[in-house]
C-alpha cells in the first residue's frame, strides 16, 4: 500500500478515535458525580444502548479477527459450531437471565457490580463471596484485556508497518485514557456506536468478498477442494513446518487428510454458549437498563445483531482462503484476514472506516473489561474488606488507579506478537463461564442455593478451568474437550451437593427470593 493510502486510512481512524474521546469527555462530569454513575450509569440506559453495548463489548476484536482466522485456518466446522453455540447462548441468556437479574440486583441491596450482587444475594457479612468473585474477575479480565491489546497491536502493525510492540502499547494507552475519563456511561454510549460500525464493517467486507470471488457457488466449489475445509463433521489440517503452512509445486498451500470432528468435539464447541451466563460485561448491561420491561426489545435487537455478525465473520474467513490462499501462512497471521480483505477491496479512506470496525470492537470490549475488573477490586476488596468506611470519592479514585494497574499487567501479557487472539479469549471465556455461570443461574432460579454452595461452585468452576486446561486437556482423546464444559458441569454438581448438605438459607434470604418471584408475577 502506498504511503498516501496509509495516510488516508490513518486519517479515517483518527477521526473515529476523536469521536470516541469526545464521548468520554462529554460524560466525564456525570461519571464523576458518584461511583454508581461511573460503574453502572445510574441504571439509566435505554434498550438499544443495552443491546448493542452488551454485544459489542462481548464480541471484541475476536469477532473480526479471531473467528475469521479460525475459519481461514481450519475451515467451516470449528468456526461454525462455535458460532452456533454463541448464538444459542446469547438468546437464552437474554431470555432467562436478563429480567430476573435486573430486578433481583435492585432488590438485593441495589447491587451495582456482579460481586456485590452475589454477596448481597446471600446477605453475607464477611464478604467472602464478593472477594473470591473479585479475584477471579481480576485474573480473567486481565487476560481478556490482553487479548484486546494484541488485536490493536496486530491491526496497526499490519496496516502501517510499525513495530507491533509500539502499536500495542499506544492502543492500550488510548483505551485507558478513554475509560479513565468517562466510565460506564461513556463506555455504553460508545459501545452502541461501535456495535453499528462492527456490523457495517462485517457486512461490507462479506458482500464485497462474495462479489469479487464470483458468487457463493464459486466460493463453495473452490473450498470444497480442500480436504475437510467445507465439512460440518471434518476439519482441515494445514501441513506445517515450524508452524508455517507449506506451499506445493502448484503454488497452492498444502493440506493433509481431513481430521474428524466428532460428536464430542461438537458438544465441546457448542459449550461456548454456556459462557454467556457468567460474562460480567453482559450481565452488567442487564443490570443497567432503566426499565426491566424494555429488555424484551433488547433481546430481539441483540439476537439479530449476533446472528448477522457471527455468520458474516465465519463467511469472511472462508472467502479469504478462496481469494488469498497463500497470503497468511501461520495461525497467528490468519487472524489478519479481515484486515487483508478490507485493504485490498476498498479505497484507502473507506478501508479506514472498515478498519475502525476492528478498533471499535477492541475498544468496546477492553474498556468494559478494565472498568469491571477495576470496580471489582475497589468495591469488593478495597471498600468491602480493606476500608469499609471509604467515601464514594475515594472508591472512585481507587477504581481509576486499579484500572491503570490492570492495564499495565495486560500490556505485559500482550508483549508477544505471536499471541493467538482466539486462544487468549477462549481461556478467559471458559474462566468466566464456569466461575460465575452456574453460580448466577442457581442464585437466580434455585431458592435452596446456599452461601456455601455458591462459594464452592465458584471455586470449583474457576479452579477446574486451570486444572483441565493445563493438566487434563494435554492428555488428549476424550480429555481434549474445551475446558468450559467440564468446569461448568462440575461447578453445577458441586453447588447442588453442597447446598443440599449445608444449612439451609436464612429466612430473610428466602423471603427476598420470593419477593423477586412475586414482583415478576405481578409486573
Protein backbone atom coordinates (compact mmCIF):
# COMPACT_ATOMS: atom_id res chain seq x y z
CA UNK A 1 0.00 0.00 0.00
CA UNK A 2 1.26 3.47 -0.87
CA UNK A 3 2.15 6.00 1.79
CA UNK A 4 -0.77 8.12 0.60
CA UNK A 5 -3.15 5.21 1.10
CA UNK A 6 -1.80 4.59 4.59
CA UNK A 7 -2.27 8.27 5.38
CA UNK A 8 -5.92 8.16 4.31
CA UNK A 9 -6.56 5.08 6.46
CA UNK A 10 -4.87 6.76 9.40
CA UNK A 11 -6.99 9.93 8.96
CA UNK A 12 -10.23 7.92 8.91
CA UNK A 13 -9.27 6.02 12.03
CA UNK A 14 -8.02 9.16 13.76
CA UNK A 15 -11.40 10.83 13.17
CA UNK A 16 -13.09 7.81 14.70
CA UNK A 17 -10.81 7.88 17.73
CA UNK A 18 -11.50 11.59 18.16
CA UNK A 19 -15.24 10.91 18.32
CA UNK A 20 -14.64 8.24 20.98
CA UNK A 21 -12.56 10.63 23.08
CA UNK A 22 -15.29 13.24 22.65
CA UNK A 23 -17.86 10.83 24.08
CA UNK A 24 -15.62 10.23 27.07
CA UNK A 25 -15.20 13.94 27.71
CA UNK A 26 -18.94 14.54 27.32
CA UNK A 27 -19.77 12.05 30.07
CA UNK A 28 -16.80 12.87 32.31
CA UNK A 29 -18.64 15.24 34.65
CA UNK A 30 -21.67 12.98 35.08
CA UNK A 31 -19.47 9.94 35.59
CA UNK A 32 -17.50 11.66 38.35
CA UNK A 33 -20.62 12.52 40.37
CA UNK A 34 -20.75 9.11 42.05
CA UNK A 35 -19.36 5.60 41.89
CA UNK A 36 -22.83 4.37 40.81
CA UNK A 37 -22.75 6.67 37.79
CA UNK A 38 -19.17 5.70 36.99
CA UNK A 39 -19.70 1.95 37.37
CA UNK A 40 -23.27 1.31 36.17
CA UNK A 41 -24.51 4.59 34.69
CA UNK A 42 -27.15 5.13 37.36
CA UNK A 43 -29.31 2.38 35.80
CA UNK A 44 -30.39 4.79 33.09
CA UNK A 45 -29.65 3.01 29.81
CA UNK A 46 -32.24 2.52 27.08
CA UNK A 47 -32.96 -0.81 25.31
CA UNK A 48 -30.96 -0.10 22.14
CA UNK A 49 -27.87 1.01 24.07
CA UNK A 50 -28.09 -2.01 26.36
CA UNK A 51 -28.49 -4.47 23.47
CA UNK A 52 -25.79 -3.08 21.21
CA UNK A 53 -23.50 -2.32 24.13
CA UNK A 54 -23.75 -5.81 25.56
CA UNK A 55 -22.96 -7.50 22.26
CA UNK A 56 -20.23 -5.09 21.16
CA UNK A 57 -18.42 -5.34 24.49
CA UNK A 58 -18.87 -9.11 24.47
CA UNK A 59 -17.60 -9.91 20.98
CA UNK A 60 -14.45 -7.72 20.94
CA UNK A 61 -11.80 -7.85 18.22
CA UNK A 62 -12.18 -11.62 18.41
CA UNK A 63 -15.27 -11.31 16.18
CA UNK A 64 -13.43 -9.51 13.38
CA UNK A 65 -10.03 -11.18 13.71
CA UNK A 66 -10.13 -14.32 15.87
CA UNK A 67 -13.22 -16.04 14.42
CA UNK A 68 -12.47 -15.30 10.73
CA UNK A 69 -8.93 -16.51 11.43
CA UNK A 70 -10.23 -19.87 12.70
CA UNK A 71 -12.39 -20.25 9.58
CA UNK A 72 -9.46 -19.32 7.30
CA UNK A 73 -7.11 -21.79 9.01
CA UNK A 74 -9.30 -24.81 9.84
CA UNK A 75 -12.36 -24.35 7.62
CA UNK A 76 -16.07 -24.31 8.37
CA UNK A 77 -16.66 -26.75 11.23
CA UNK A 78 -14.75 -25.29 14.18
CA UNK A 79 -15.84 -21.72 13.49
CA UNK A 80 -19.43 -22.66 12.62
CA UNK A 81 -20.13 -24.82 15.69
CA UNK A 82 -18.59 -22.12 17.89
CA UNK A 83 -20.84 -19.50 16.29
CA UNK A 84 -23.94 -21.68 16.72
CA UNK A 85 -23.14 -22.20 20.39
CA UNK A 86 -22.66 -18.47 20.89
CA UNK A 87 -25.89 -17.64 19.10
CA UNK A 88 -27.93 -20.03 21.24
CA UNK A 89 -26.20 -18.87 24.41
CA UNK A 90 -26.88 -15.23 23.60
CA UNK A 91 -30.60 -15.79 23.12
CA UNK A 92 -31.06 -17.95 26.23
CA UNK A 93 -29.13 -15.53 28.40
CA UNK A 94 -31.33 -12.62 27.33
CA UNK A 95 -34.47 -14.74 27.62
CA UNK A 96 -33.95 -16.20 31.10
CA UNK A 97 -31.32 -14.20 32.97
CA UNK A 98 -31.73 -10.57 31.91
CA UNK A 99 -35.01 -9.56 33.57
CA UNK A 100 -34.54 -11.55 36.74
CA UNK A 101 -31.02 -10.23 37.29
CA UNK A 102 -32.14 -6.62 36.70
CA UNK A 103 -34.90 -6.95 39.28
CA UNK A 104 -33.01 -9.13 41.74
CA UNK A 105 -29.94 -6.86 41.73
CA UNK A 106 -32.16 -3.91 42.67
CA UNK A 107 -33.96 -5.77 45.45
CA UNK A 108 -30.73 -7.32 46.78
CA UNK A 109 -29.17 -4.19 48.25
CA UNK A 110 -29.26 -2.21 44.98
CA UNK A 111 -26.15 -4.07 43.78
CA UNK A 112 -24.08 -2.29 41.11
CA UNK A 113 -21.39 -4.93 40.44
CA UNK A 114 -21.50 -8.70 39.95
CA UNK A 115 -19.53 -9.45 43.14
CA UNK A 116 -21.88 -7.08 45.01
CA UNK A 117 -24.92 -8.98 43.76
CA UNK A 118 -23.55 -12.41 44.63
CA UNK A 119 -22.66 -11.19 48.12
CA UNK A 120 -25.95 -9.35 48.70
CA UNK A 121 -27.98 -12.26 47.34
CA UNK A 122 -26.85 -14.35 50.32
CA UNK A 123 -26.65 -11.40 52.76
CA UNK A 124 -23.14 -12.29 53.86
CA UNK A 125 -21.40 -10.11 56.43
CA UNK A 126 -17.73 -11.01 55.86
CA UNK A 127 -17.90 -10.50 52.07
CA UNK A 128 -16.11 -13.75 51.26
CA UNK A 129 -18.18 -14.39 48.13
CA UNK A 130 -17.61 -10.92 46.73
CA UNK A 131 -13.86 -11.15 47.43
CA UNK A 132 -13.50 -14.51 45.66
CA UNK A 133 -15.59 -13.20 42.76
CA UNK A 134 -13.45 -10.07 42.53
CA UNK A 135 -10.22 -12.10 42.46
CA UNK A 136 -11.45 -14.28 39.58
CA UNK A 137 -12.66 -11.19 37.71
CA UNK A 138 -9.24 -9.58 38.10
CA UNK A 139 -7.49 -12.70 36.81
CA UNK A 140 -9.64 -13.44 33.78
CA UNK A 141 -10.30 -9.85 32.71
CA UNK A 142 -6.58 -9.13 32.76
CA UNK A 143 -6.19 -11.93 30.20
CA UNK A 144 -9.20 -10.64 28.27
CA UNK A 145 -7.81 -7.09 28.15
CA UNK A 146 -4.50 -8.52 26.93
CA UNK A 147 -6.32 -10.17 24.00
CA UNK A 148 -7.74 -6.77 23.06
CA UNK A 149 -4.32 -5.14 23.19
CA UNK A 150 -2.96 -7.92 20.95
CA UNK A 151 -5.74 -7.10 18.47
CA UNK A 152 -4.84 -3.41 18.42
CA UNK A 153 -1.14 -4.19 18.03
CA UNK A 154 -1.76 -6.57 15.12
CA UNK A 155 -4.13 -4.12 13.45
CA UNK A 156 -1.83 -1.10 13.44
CA UNK A 157 1.32 -3.12 12.82
CA UNK A 158 -0.23 -4.76 9.76
CA UNK A 159 -1.65 -1.52 8.40
CA UNK A 160 1.26 0.83 8.92
CA UNK A 161 4.28 -1.45 9.12
CA UNK A 162 5.26 -0.11 12.53
CA UNK A 163 6.68 -2.47 15.15
CA UNK A 164 3.96 -4.43 16.94
CA UNK A 165 5.01 -3.58 20.48
CA UNK A 166 4.81 0.18 19.88
CA UNK A 167 1.38 -0.05 18.32
CA UNK A 168 0.09 -2.37 21.04
CA UNK A 169 1.19 -0.02 23.83
CA UNK A 170 -0.18 3.06 22.01
CA UNK A 171 -3.57 1.36 21.59
CA UNK A 172 -3.64 0.31 25.22
CA UNK A 173 -2.89 3.86 26.39
CA UNK A 174 -5.71 5.20 24.24
CA UNK A 175 -8.21 2.74 25.73
CA UNK A 176 -7.08 3.52 29.29
CA UNK A 177 -7.36 7.27 28.76
CA UNK A 178 -10.84 6.99 27.31
CA UNK A 179 -12.16 4.66 30.04
CA UNK A 180 -10.44 6.62 32.81
CA UNK A 181 -12.29 9.78 31.81
CA UNK A 182 -15.84 8.68 31.07
CA UNK A 183 -16.56 5.45 32.93
CA UNK A 184 -19.62 3.28 32.25
CA UNK A 185 -21.78 5.95 30.59
CA UNK A 186 -19.10 6.77 28.04
CA UNK A 187 -18.38 3.09 27.54
CA UNK A 188 -22.06 2.27 26.96
CA UNK A 189 -22.71 5.20 24.61
CA UNK A 190 -19.65 4.44 22.51
CA UNK A 191 -20.44 0.72 22.55
CA UNK A 192 -23.75 1.47 20.82
CA UNK A 193 -21.94 3.36 18.08
CA UNK A 194 -19.26 0.69 17.88
CA UNK A 195 -21.85 -2.06 17.55
CA UNK A 196 -23.23 -0.27 14.49
CA UNK A 197 -19.75 0.14 12.99
CA UNK A 198 -18.83 -3.50 13.63
CA UNK A 199 -21.86 -4.94 11.84
CA UNK A 200 -21.48 -2.44 8.99
CA UNK A 201 -17.83 -3.43 8.55
CA UNK A 202 -18.61 -7.15 8.57
CA UNK A 203 -21.45 -6.89 6.07
CA UNK A 204 -19.48 -4.58 3.75
CA UNK A 205 -16.50 -6.93 3.60
CA UNK A 206 -18.74 -10.00 3.25
CA UNK A 207 -20.82 -8.65 0.36
CA UNK A 208 -17.77 -7.30 -1.48
CA UNK A 209 -15.87 -10.54 -0.94
CA UNK A 210 -18.72 -12.65 -2.35
CA UNK A 211 -18.89 -10.39 -5.41
CA UNK A 212 -15.15 -10.44 -6.10
CA UNK A 213 -14.96 -14.23 -5.58
CA UNK A 214 -17.60 -14.76 -8.26
CA UNK A 215 -20.59 -15.56 -6.08
CA UNK A 216 -21.42 -18.17 -3.47
CA UNK A 217 -21.37 -21.21 -5.87
CA UNK A 218 -17.83 -20.31 -6.98
CA UNK A 219 -16.66 -19.94 -3.37
CA UNK A 220 -18.15 -23.30 -2.35
CA UNK A 221 -16.66 -25.05 -5.37
CA UNK A 222 -13.23 -23.64 -4.60
CA UNK A 223 -13.06 -24.50 -0.92
CA UNK A 224 -14.52 -27.99 -1.45
CA UNK A 225 -11.17 -28.85 -2.99
CA UNK A 226 -9.50 -28.54 0.41
CA UNK A 227 -9.90 -31.76 2.46
CA UNK A 228 -12.25 -31.15 5.39
CA UNK A 229 -12.47 -27.40 4.78
CA UNK A 230 -16.18 -27.30 3.99
CA UNK A 231 -17.29 -30.19 6.18
CA UNK A 232 -19.65 -29.98 9.13
CA UNK A 233 -18.08 -33.07 10.69
CA UNK A 234 -14.47 -32.75 9.49
CA UNK A 235 -11.69 -30.23 9.89
CA UNK A 236 -8.89 -29.06 7.58
CA UNK A 237 -5.29 -29.86 8.55
CA UNK A 238 -2.73 -27.40 7.12
CA UNK A 239 0.67 -29.05 6.50
CA UNK A 240 3.12 -27.22 8.73
CA UNK A 241 6.85 -26.99 9.25
CA UNK A 242 7.82 -24.95 12.32
CA UNK A 243 4.27 -23.59 12.43
CA UNK A 244 4.32 -22.33 8.82
CA UNK A 245 1.98 -23.81 6.20
CA UNK A 246 3.87 -25.22 3.23
CA UNK A 247 3.29 -24.32 -0.42
CA UNK A 248 3.08 -27.04 -3.06
CA UNK A 249 4.63 -27.15 -6.53
CA UNK A 250 1.41 -25.77 -7.99
CA UNK A 251 1.74 -22.69 -5.83
CA UNK A 252 -1.17 -23.65 -3.59
CA UNK A 253 -0.97 -24.18 0.19
CA UNK A 254 -0.74 -27.81 1.26
CA UNK A 255 -3.27 -29.62 3.46
CA UNK A 256 -3.19 -33.12 4.90
CA UNK A 257 -6.10 -35.52 5.13
CA UNK A 258 -9.19 -34.10 6.81
CA UNK A 259 -9.38 -34.57 10.55
CA UNK A 260 -12.54 -35.87 12.22
CA UNK A 261 -14.94 -33.56 14.00
CA UNK A 262 -16.99 -35.95 16.11
CA UNK A 263 -20.00 -35.56 18.37
CA UNK A 264 -17.92 -34.97 21.50
CA UNK A 265 -15.99 -32.19 19.76
CA UNK A 266 -19.23 -30.62 18.55
CA UNK A 267 -20.71 -30.66 22.06
CA UNK A 268 -17.47 -29.20 23.38
CA UNK A 269 -17.52 -26.39 20.80
CA UNK A 270 -21.22 -25.66 21.31
CA UNK A 271 -20.45 -25.25 25.01
CA UNK A 272 -19.08 -21.78 24.19
CA UNK A 273 -22.71 -20.73 24.62
CA UNK A 274 -22.63 -21.66 28.32
CA UNK A 275 -20.12 -18.90 28.88
CA UNK A 276 -22.75 -16.19 28.47
CA UNK A 277 -24.37 -16.97 31.80
CA UNK A 278 -21.20 -15.84 33.56
CA UNK A 279 -19.99 -12.92 31.45
CA UNK A 280 -19.77 -9.82 33.72
CA UNK A 281 -19.67 -7.37 30.80
CA UNK A 282 -23.02 -8.70 29.56
CA UNK A 283 -24.65 -9.24 32.96
CA UNK A 284 -23.78 -5.71 34.00
CA UNK A 285 -25.64 -4.33 30.98
CA UNK A 286 -28.74 -6.23 32.12
CA UNK A 287 -28.45 -4.54 35.50
CA UNK A 288 -28.02 -1.07 33.97
CA UNK A 289 -31.21 -0.79 31.89
CA UNK A 290 -33.67 1.83 33.11
CA UNK A 291 -36.70 -0.49 32.99
CA UNK A 292 -36.62 -4.27 33.06
CA UNK A 293 -39.66 -4.46 30.76
CA UNK A 294 -37.56 -2.96 27.96
CA UNK A 295 -35.28 -6.00 27.96
CA UNK A 296 -37.63 -7.84 25.57
CA UNK A 297 -36.81 -5.32 22.86
CA UNK A 298 -33.13 -5.51 23.80
CA UNK A 299 -33.20 -9.30 23.41
CA UNK A 300 -34.57 -9.07 19.87
CA UNK A 301 -32.03 -6.46 18.83
CA UNK A 302 -29.13 -8.38 20.37
CA UNK A 303 -30.16 -11.71 18.79
CA UNK A 304 -30.44 -10.25 15.27
CA UNK A 305 -27.09 -8.48 15.67
CA UNK A 306 -25.35 -11.64 16.84
CA UNK A 307 -26.75 -13.89 14.11
CA UNK A 308 -25.75 -11.48 11.33
CA UNK A 309 -22.33 -10.73 12.80
CA UNK A 310 -21.31 -14.33 13.50
CA UNK A 311 -22.49 -15.52 10.09
CA UNK A 312 -20.54 -12.76 8.38
CA UNK A 313 -17.38 -13.37 10.41
CA UNK A 314 -17.26 -17.10 9.62
CA UNK A 315 -18.03 -16.48 5.94
CA UNK A 316 -15.27 -13.88 5.65
CA UNK A 317 -12.69 -16.45 6.80
CA UNK A 318 -13.86 -18.95 4.16
CA UNK A 319 -13.91 -16.34 1.39
CA UNK A 320 -10.49 -15.11 2.44
CA UNK A 321 -9.00 -18.59 1.92
CA UNK A 322 -10.52 -18.61 -1.57
CA UNK A 323 -9.18 -15.20 -2.59
CA UNK A 324 -5.86 -15.15 -0.74
CA UNK A 325 -4.84 -18.80 -0.21
CA UNK A 326 -1.10 -18.12 0.19
CA UNK A 327 -1.15 -14.81 1.99
CA UNK A 328 -1.40 -15.90 5.65
CA UNK A 329 0.69 -18.98 6.36
CA UNK A 330 0.68 -19.19 10.16
CA UNK A 331 -2.26 -19.48 12.52
CA UNK A 332 -1.37 -16.15 14.13
CA UNK A 333 -1.22 -14.38 10.75
CA UNK A 334 -4.51 -15.95 9.67
CA UNK A 335 -6.25 -13.62 12.13
CA UNK A 336 -5.35 -10.74 9.78
CA UNK A 337 -7.64 -11.99 7.01
CA UNK A 338 -10.27 -9.31 7.70
CA UNK A 339 -7.61 -6.58 7.51
CA UNK A 340 -6.19 -8.03 4.30
CA UNK A 341 -9.57 -8.20 2.59
CA UNK A 342 -10.53 -4.68 3.67
CA UNK A 343 -7.35 -3.05 2.41
CA UNK A 344 -7.47 -4.99 -0.87
CA UNK A 345 -11.16 -4.38 -1.59
CA UNK A 346 -11.71 -0.73 -0.73
CA UNK A 347 -10.27 2.70 -1.38
CA UNK A 348 -7.97 3.73 1.50
CA UNK A 349 -10.34 6.24 3.09
CA UNK A 350 -13.24 3.78 3.10
CA UNK A 351 -10.92 0.99 4.21
CA UNK A 352 -10.04 3.20 7.17
CA UNK A 353 -13.71 3.29 8.13
CA UNK A 354 -13.85 -0.51 7.87
CA UNK A 355 -10.68 -0.79 9.97
CA UNK A 356 -12.38 1.36 12.54
CA UNK A 357 -14.69 -1.63 12.96
CA UNK A 358 -11.82 -3.64 14.44
CA UNK A 359 -10.79 -0.69 16.57
CA UNK A 360 -14.42 -0.31 17.64
CA UNK A 361 -14.66 -3.96 18.61
CA UNK A 362 -11.46 -3.78 20.60
CA UNK A 363 -12.26 -0.56 22.42
CA UNK A 364 -15.82 -1.59 23.23
CA UNK A 365 -14.53 -4.73 24.90
CA UNK A 366 -11.34 -3.60 26.58
CA UNK A 367 -12.99 -0.59 28.23
CA UNK A 368 -15.64 -2.91 29.68
CA UNK A 369 -13.05 -5.39 30.89
CA UNK A 370 -10.87 -2.77 32.54
CA UNK A 371 -13.79 -0.99 34.16
CA UNK A 372 -15.42 -4.14 35.57
CA UNK A 373 -12.13 -5.52 36.86
CA UNK A 374 -11.23 -2.21 38.49
CA UNK A 375 -14.66 -1.91 40.09
CA UNK A 376 -14.42 -5.47 41.40
CA UNK A 377 -11.31 -4.51 43.35
CA UNK A 378 -12.45 -1.08 44.54
CA UNK A 379 -15.95 -2.13 45.64
CA UNK A 380 -15.46 -5.72 46.78
CA UNK A 381 -11.91 -5.79 48.13
CA UNK A 382 -10.99 -2.20 48.99
CA UNK A 383 -14.35 -0.97 50.31
CA UNK A 384 -15.62 -4.43 51.25
CA UNK A 385 -12.60 -5.51 53.30
CA UNK A 386 -9.72 -3.06 53.49
CA UNK A 387 -11.56 0.16 54.27
CA UNK A 388 -15.29 -0.23 54.80
CA UNK A 389 -15.83 3.43 55.68
CA UNK A 390 -14.20 4.68 52.47
CA UNK A 391 -16.02 7.61 50.90
CA UNK A 392 -17.62 7.37 47.49
CA UNK A 393 -14.96 9.72 46.11
CA UNK A 394 -12.18 7.50 47.45
CA UNK A 395 -13.76 4.42 45.88
CA UNK A 396 -13.92 6.27 42.57
CA UNK A 397 -10.23 7.20 42.77
CA UNK A 398 -9.21 3.65 43.72
CA UNK A 399 -11.19 2.35 40.74
CA UNK A 400 -9.22 4.56 38.39
CA UNK A 401 -5.87 3.64 39.94
CA UNK A 402 -6.73 -0.07 39.72
CA UNK A 403 -7.78 0.38 36.10
CA UNK A 404 -4.32 1.67 35.22
CA UNK A 405 -2.61 -1.14 37.15
CA UNK A 406 -4.61 -3.86 35.38
CA UNK A 407 -3.85 -2.27 32.01
CA UNK A 408 -0.10 -2.38 32.75
CA UNK A 409 -0.25 -6.11 33.57
CA UNK A 410 -2.32 -6.76 30.43
CA UNK A 411 0.28 -4.96 28.33
CA UNK A 412 2.98 -7.30 29.64
CA UNK A 413 0.85 -10.34 28.76
CA UNK A 414 0.31 -8.92 25.26
CA UNK A 415 4.01 -8.31 24.52
CA UNK A 416 4.24 -11.48 22.39
CA UNK A 417 3.12 -10.52 18.90
CA UNK A 418 2.60 -14.20 18.02
CA UNK A 419 -0.17 -14.50 20.60
CA UNK A 420 -3.31 -16.04 19.09
CA UNK A 421 -6.34 -13.92 19.97
CA UNK A 422 -8.73 -16.87 19.78
CA UNK A 423 -6.67 -18.82 22.33
CA UNK A 424 -6.50 -15.96 24.83
CA UNK A 425 -10.22 -15.27 24.54
CA UNK A 426 -11.23 -18.95 24.82
CA UNK A 427 -9.38 -19.34 28.12
CA UNK A 428 -10.83 -16.19 29.70
CA UNK A 429 -14.29 -17.08 28.35
CA UNK A 430 -14.07 -20.51 29.97
CA UNK A 431 -12.93 -18.90 33.21
CA UNK A 432 -15.90 -16.57 33.48
CA UNK A 433 -18.42 -19.08 32.21
CA UNK A 434 -17.51 -21.76 34.74
CA UNK A 435 -16.80 -19.45 37.68
CA UNK A 436 -19.91 -17.29 37.51
CA UNK A 437 -22.32 -19.03 35.13
CA UNK A 438 -23.56 -21.86 37.41
CA UNK A 439 -23.48 -19.64 40.50
CA UNK A 440 -25.52 -16.97 38.73
CA UNK A 441 -28.10 -19.42 37.39
CA UNK A 442 -28.60 -21.23 40.69
CA UNK A 443 -28.68 -17.94 42.62
CA UNK A 444 -31.38 -16.58 40.35
CA UNK A 445 -33.54 -19.67 39.94
CA UNK A 446 -32.97 -22.16 42.78
CA UNK A 447 -34.33 -21.00 46.10
CA UNK A 448 -32.39 -23.61 48.08
CA UNK A 449 -28.98 -22.44 46.91
CA UNK A 450 -26.86 -21.70 49.97
CA UNK A 451 -23.96 -19.35 50.53
CA UNK A 452 -21.68 -22.36 50.99
CA UNK A 453 -22.95 -23.85 47.74
CA UNK A 454 -22.33 -20.63 45.82
CA UNK A 455 -18.82 -20.33 47.25
CA UNK A 456 -17.96 -23.96 46.47
CA UNK A 457 -19.40 -23.58 42.96
CA UNK A 458 -17.30 -20.53 42.14
CA UNK A 459 -14.10 -22.06 43.49
CA UNK A 460 -14.58 -25.46 41.85
CA UNK A 461 -15.51 -23.93 38.48
CA UNK A 462 -12.70 -21.39 38.40
CA UNK A 463 -10.01 -23.79 39.61
CA UNK A 464 -11.14 -26.60 37.30
CA UNK A 465 -10.57 -24.35 34.26
CA UNK A 466 -6.87 -24.20 35.14
CA UNK A 467 -6.63 -27.90 36.03
CA UNK A 468 -8.37 -29.04 32.85
CA UNK A 469 -6.53 -26.60 30.58
CA UNK A 470 -3.03 -27.21 31.94
CA UNK A 471 -3.09 -30.82 33.19
CA UNK A 472 -6.00 -32.88 31.86
CA UNK A 473 -6.53 -31.47 28.34
CA UNK A 474 -2.94 -32.15 27.16
CA UNK A 475 -3.68 -35.87 27.68
CA UNK A 476 -5.81 -35.70 24.52
CA UNK A 477 -8.54 -38.08 23.43
CA UNK A 478 -11.82 -37.59 25.27
CA UNK A 479 -10.00 -35.21 27.60
CA UNK A 480 -9.22 -32.80 24.78
CA UNK A 481 -12.59 -31.06 25.05
CA UNK A 482 -12.95 -27.34 25.72
CA UNK A 483 -12.32 -26.72 29.42
CA UNK A 484 -15.51 -24.68 29.84
CA UNK A 485 -17.78 -27.74 29.53
CA UNK A 486 -16.32 -29.95 32.30
CA UNK A 487 -15.65 -27.00 34.60
CA UNK A 488 -19.23 -25.71 34.16
CA UNK A 489 -20.74 -29.15 34.86
CA UNK A 490 -18.52 -29.74 37.89
CA UNK A 491 -19.48 -26.35 39.31
CA UNK A 492 -23.19 -27.19 38.91
CA UNK A 493 -22.80 -30.54 40.62
CA UNK A 494 -20.82 -29.01 43.49
CA UNK A 495 -23.44 -26.29 44.05
CA UNK A 496 -26.24 -28.86 44.29
CA UNK A 497 -24.33 -31.20 46.61
CA UNK A 498 -23.00 -28.53 48.96
CA UNK A 499 -26.33 -26.66 49.08
CA UNK A 500 -28.12 -29.90 49.91
CA UNK A 501 -25.83 -30.90 52.80
CA UNK A 502 -25.21 -27.40 54.22
CA UNK A 503 -27.52 -25.42 56.49
CA UNK A 504 -30.50 -24.03 54.61
CA UNK A 505 -30.52 -20.28 53.74
CA UNK A 506 -31.71 -17.83 56.43
CA UNK A 507 -35.37 -16.85 56.29
CA UNK A 508 -34.67 -13.29 55.14
CA UNK A 509 -32.76 -14.67 52.14
CA UNK A 510 -35.67 -16.97 51.29
CA UNK A 511 -38.18 -14.13 51.72
CA UNK A 512 -36.19 -11.90 49.38
CA UNK A 513 -36.12 -14.66 46.75
CA UNK A 514 -39.92 -14.87 46.99
CA UNK A 515 -40.18 -11.08 46.63
CA UNK A 516 -38.39 -11.30 43.29
CA UNK A 517 -40.75 -14.06 42.09
CA UNK A 518 -43.80 -12.10 43.27
CA UNK A 519 -42.55 -8.93 41.59
CA UNK A 520 -42.20 -10.78 38.27
CA UNK A 521 -45.64 -12.33 38.60
CA UNK A 522 -47.49 -9.04 39.11
CA UNK A 523 -45.46 -6.99 36.61
